[in-house]
N, C-alpha and C. Protein backbone atom coordinates (compact mmCIF):
# COMPACT_ATOMS: atom_id res chain seq x y z
N MET A 1 111.32 110.79 107.81
CA MET A 1 111.37 110.18 106.25
C MET A 1 110.91 108.56 106.41
N PRO A 2 109.45 108.48 106.24
CA PRO A 2 108.87 107.33 106.44
C PRO A 2 109.29 106.19 105.25
N VAL A 3 109.84 105.15 105.64
CA VAL A 3 110.28 104.18 104.52
C VAL A 3 109.00 103.37 104.40
N VAL A 4 108.58 103.09 102.94
CA VAL A 4 107.41 102.29 102.77
C VAL A 4 107.93 100.86 102.54
N PHE A 5 108.99 100.60 101.76
CA PHE A 5 109.49 99.16 101.64
C PHE A 5 110.77 99.30 100.92
N CYS A 6 111.47 98.10 101.17
CA CYS A 6 112.68 98.11 100.45
C CYS A 6 112.72 96.79 99.63
N SER A 7 113.50 96.87 98.62
CA SER A 7 113.56 95.80 97.62
C SER A 7 114.71 95.82 96.68
N ASN A 8 115.46 94.76 96.69
CA ASN A 8 116.77 94.64 95.65
C ASN A 8 117.64 95.74 96.01
N GLY A 9 117.89 96.30 97.27
CA GLY A 9 118.81 97.33 97.58
C GLY A 9 118.02 98.79 97.47
N TYR A 10 116.97 98.91 96.82
CA TYR A 10 116.15 100.03 96.70
C TYR A 10 115.44 100.26 98.08
N ARG A 11 115.30 101.61 98.39
CA ARG A 11 114.52 102.02 99.55
C ARG A 11 113.56 103.05 98.90
N PHE A 12 112.34 102.76 99.29
CA PHE A 12 111.14 103.35 98.76
C PHE A 12 110.58 104.26 99.94
N PHE A 13 110.44 105.60 99.77
CA PHE A 13 110.20 106.50 100.96
C PHE A 13 109.41 107.70 100.54
N PHE A 14 109.11 108.50 101.70
CA PHE A 14 108.38 109.88 101.48
C PHE A 14 109.36 110.70 102.27
N PHE A 15 109.29 111.81 101.82
CA PHE A 15 109.96 113.13 102.67
C PHE A 15 108.74 113.37 103.66
N SER A 16 108.64 113.74 104.88
CA SER A 16 107.67 114.22 105.80
C SER A 16 107.18 115.71 105.28
N ASN A 17 107.94 116.36 104.69
CA ASN A 17 107.56 117.49 103.99
C ASN A 17 107.61 117.59 102.57
N GLU A 18 106.49 117.23 101.97
CA GLU A 18 106.35 117.05 100.52
C GLU A 18 105.80 118.22 99.83
N GLY A 19 106.35 119.57 100.32
CA GLY A 19 105.68 120.67 99.89
C GLY A 19 104.38 121.38 100.37
N SER A 20 104.34 122.63 99.94
CA SER A 20 103.19 123.29 100.63
C SER A 20 102.50 124.38 99.42
N PRO A 21 101.59 124.04 98.67
CA PRO A 21 100.62 122.78 98.94
C PRO A 21 101.41 121.41 98.57
N ARG A 22 101.06 120.30 99.12
CA ARG A 22 101.62 119.10 99.04
C ARG A 22 101.65 118.65 97.47
N GLU A 23 102.69 118.18 96.89
CA GLU A 23 102.88 117.55 95.70
C GLU A 23 101.71 116.33 95.50
N PRO A 24 101.43 116.09 94.33
CA PRO A 24 100.55 114.80 94.20
C PRO A 24 101.43 113.57 94.57
N LEU A 25 100.63 112.65 94.71
CA LEU A 25 101.17 111.33 95.42
C LEU A 25 102.23 110.80 94.47
N HIS A 26 103.24 110.42 95.24
CA HIS A 26 104.56 110.09 94.60
C HIS A 26 105.50 109.38 95.74
N VAL A 27 106.45 108.78 95.03
CA VAL A 27 107.26 107.94 96.07
C VAL A 27 108.87 108.35 95.64
N HIS A 28 109.74 108.54 96.58
CA HIS A 28 111.18 108.61 96.29
C HIS A 28 111.87 107.42 96.47
N VAL A 29 112.87 107.05 95.81
CA VAL A 29 113.66 105.85 95.77
C VAL A 29 115.14 106.19 95.87
N ARG A 30 115.75 105.46 96.63
CA ARG A 30 117.19 105.57 96.80
C ARG A 30 118.01 104.35 96.87
N ARG A 31 119.13 104.44 96.23
CA ARG A 31 119.91 103.34 96.40
C ARG A 31 121.32 103.82 96.20
N GLY A 32 122.32 103.80 97.43
CA GLY A 32 123.42 104.33 97.34
C GLY A 32 123.39 105.76 97.17
N GLY A 33 124.00 106.50 96.46
CA GLY A 33 123.95 107.89 96.16
C GLY A 33 122.91 108.31 95.00
N ASP A 34 122.25 107.30 94.49
CA ASP A 34 121.33 107.39 93.32
C ASP A 34 119.85 107.61 94.00
N ILE A 35 119.05 108.61 93.42
CA ILE A 35 117.77 108.89 93.80
C ILE A 35 116.95 109.26 92.55
N ALA A 36 115.55 108.81 92.91
CA ALA A 36 114.43 109.12 91.88
C ALA A 36 113.18 109.33 92.54
N LYS A 37 112.31 109.97 91.63
CA LYS A 37 111.10 110.30 92.26
C LYS A 37 109.97 109.77 91.34
N ILE A 38 109.02 109.08 91.60
CA ILE A 38 108.02 108.31 90.86
C ILE A 38 106.84 108.95 91.24
N TRP A 39 105.96 109.47 90.19
CA TRP A 39 104.56 109.87 90.43
C TRP A 39 103.94 108.54 90.22
N LEU A 40 102.75 108.45 91.07
CA LEU A 40 101.70 107.45 91.02
C LEU A 40 100.30 108.02 90.42
N GLU A 41 100.16 109.10 90.19
CA GLU A 41 98.98 109.80 89.57
C GLU A 41 99.15 110.67 88.69
N PRO A 42 98.61 110.80 87.68
CA PRO A 42 97.44 109.89 87.27
C PRO A 42 97.99 108.44 86.96
N GLN A 43 99.16 108.34 86.67
CA GLN A 43 99.74 106.84 86.30
C GLN A 43 101.13 106.79 86.67
N VAL A 44 101.70 105.83 87.04
CA VAL A 44 103.03 105.54 87.56
C VAL A 44 104.02 106.12 86.20
N ALA A 45 104.80 107.13 86.73
CA ALA A 45 105.84 107.58 85.75
C ALA A 45 106.87 108.20 86.37
N LEU A 46 108.07 108.22 85.83
CA LEU A 46 109.11 108.76 86.41
C LEU A 46 109.20 110.43 86.22
N ALA A 47 109.43 111.04 87.56
CA ALA A 47 109.40 112.24 87.63
C ALA A 47 110.88 112.90 87.45
N GLU A 48 111.80 112.33 88.02
CA GLU A 48 113.11 112.92 87.93
C GLU A 48 114.04 111.75 88.59
N SER A 49 115.28 111.74 88.03
CA SER A 49 116.35 110.83 88.49
C SER A 49 117.73 111.28 88.46
N TYR A 50 118.44 110.84 89.43
CA TYR A 50 119.83 111.23 89.42
C TYR A 50 120.60 110.10 89.59
N GLY A 51 121.45 109.72 88.93
CA GLY A 51 122.38 108.56 89.00
C GLY A 51 121.86 107.23 88.50
N PHE A 52 120.67 106.96 88.52
CA PHE A 52 120.07 105.52 88.02
C PHE A 52 120.21 105.49 86.43
N LYS A 53 120.87 104.22 86.07
CA LYS A 53 120.82 103.91 84.55
C LYS A 53 119.44 103.31 84.20
N SER A 54 119.13 103.58 82.92
CA SER A 54 117.88 103.26 82.45
C SER A 54 117.26 101.88 82.75
N ARG A 55 117.90 100.82 82.74
CA ARG A 55 117.75 99.52 83.09
C ARG A 55 117.13 99.60 84.72
N GLU A 56 117.74 100.29 85.47
CA GLU A 56 117.43 100.33 86.88
C GLU A 56 115.99 101.13 86.96
N LEU A 57 116.15 102.20 86.25
CA LEU A 57 114.72 103.11 86.38
C LEU A 57 113.50 102.13 85.76
N SER A 58 113.76 101.30 84.72
CA SER A 58 112.75 100.29 84.35
C SER A 58 112.36 99.32 85.56
N ASP A 59 113.24 98.89 86.25
CA ASP A 59 112.99 97.83 87.50
C ASP A 59 112.35 98.64 88.45
N ILE A 60 112.82 99.87 88.79
CA ILE A 60 112.19 100.88 89.75
C ILE A 60 110.59 100.90 89.41
N VAL A 61 110.31 101.33 88.34
CA VAL A 61 109.01 101.46 87.91
C VAL A 61 108.17 100.39 87.86
N THR A 62 108.66 99.17 87.75
CA THR A 62 108.03 97.94 87.79
C THR A 62 107.73 97.65 89.28
N LEU A 63 108.79 97.82 90.20
CA LEU A 63 108.39 97.61 91.60
C LEU A 63 107.42 98.69 92.22
N VAL A 64 107.39 99.83 91.71
CA VAL A 64 106.39 100.79 92.10
C VAL A 64 105.01 100.40 91.47
N GLN A 65 104.97 99.88 90.44
CA GLN A 65 103.48 99.25 89.86
C GLN A 65 103.02 98.17 90.74
N GLU A 66 104.08 97.41 91.13
CA GLU A 66 103.66 96.05 91.88
C GLU A 66 103.14 96.40 93.27
N HIS A 67 103.72 97.43 93.87
CA HIS A 67 103.46 97.78 95.34
C HIS A 67 102.69 99.25 95.25
N ARG A 68 101.96 99.59 94.20
CA ARG A 68 101.34 100.75 94.22
C ARG A 68 100.24 100.87 95.49
N SER A 69 99.50 99.94 95.56
CA SER A 69 98.55 99.88 96.69
C SER A 69 99.19 100.21 98.08
N GLU A 70 100.16 99.44 98.17
CA GLU A 70 100.88 99.54 99.49
C GLU A 70 101.51 101.17 99.68
N ILE A 71 101.91 101.58 98.51
CA ILE A 71 102.62 102.97 98.49
C ILE A 71 101.25 104.08 98.83
N GLU A 72 100.38 103.88 98.07
CA GLU A 72 99.09 104.79 98.34
C GLU A 72 98.79 104.81 99.86
N ARG A 73 98.51 103.46 100.27
CA ARG A 73 97.98 103.22 101.53
C ARG A 73 98.89 104.08 102.62
N ALA A 74 100.13 103.90 102.52
CA ALA A 74 101.30 104.47 103.50
C ALA A 74 101.14 105.92 103.20
N TRP A 75 100.92 106.40 102.01
CA TRP A 75 100.81 107.85 101.82
C TRP A 75 99.71 108.55 102.62
N HIS A 76 98.54 107.91 102.37
CA HIS A 76 97.32 108.50 103.04
C HIS A 76 97.34 108.20 104.56
N GLU A 77 98.01 107.34 105.16
CA GLU A 77 98.14 107.16 106.53
C GLU A 77 99.04 108.01 107.22
N HIS A 78 100.28 108.40 106.36
CA HIS A 78 101.17 109.31 106.87
C HIS A 78 100.69 110.65 106.50
N PHE A 79 100.21 111.03 105.64
CA PHE A 79 99.65 112.54 105.38
C PHE A 79 98.29 112.72 105.88
N GLY A 80 97.52 111.76 106.24
CA GLY A 80 96.31 111.87 106.70
C GLY A 80 95.24 112.43 105.77
N ASP A 81 95.39 111.87 104.36
CA ASP A 81 94.37 112.43 103.61
C ASP A 81 93.68 111.00 102.86
């Protein structure tokens, strides 16, 4: 499970097995027992969330927007596409 970056206690990562066929570009976010999945294409958007409050999700989406290039680069390096 490659970690792309950490910020404010959030860990942004991919699962090495992202489905077959692989799901579109996205990143998972975890802090404590809370987890969320954020799509990056066609735009940054919440896919699902378990445990995060709405304010936290807003912060998470902002962090993903700020780090979008880094996440995309890491995705393509990890999955080889």
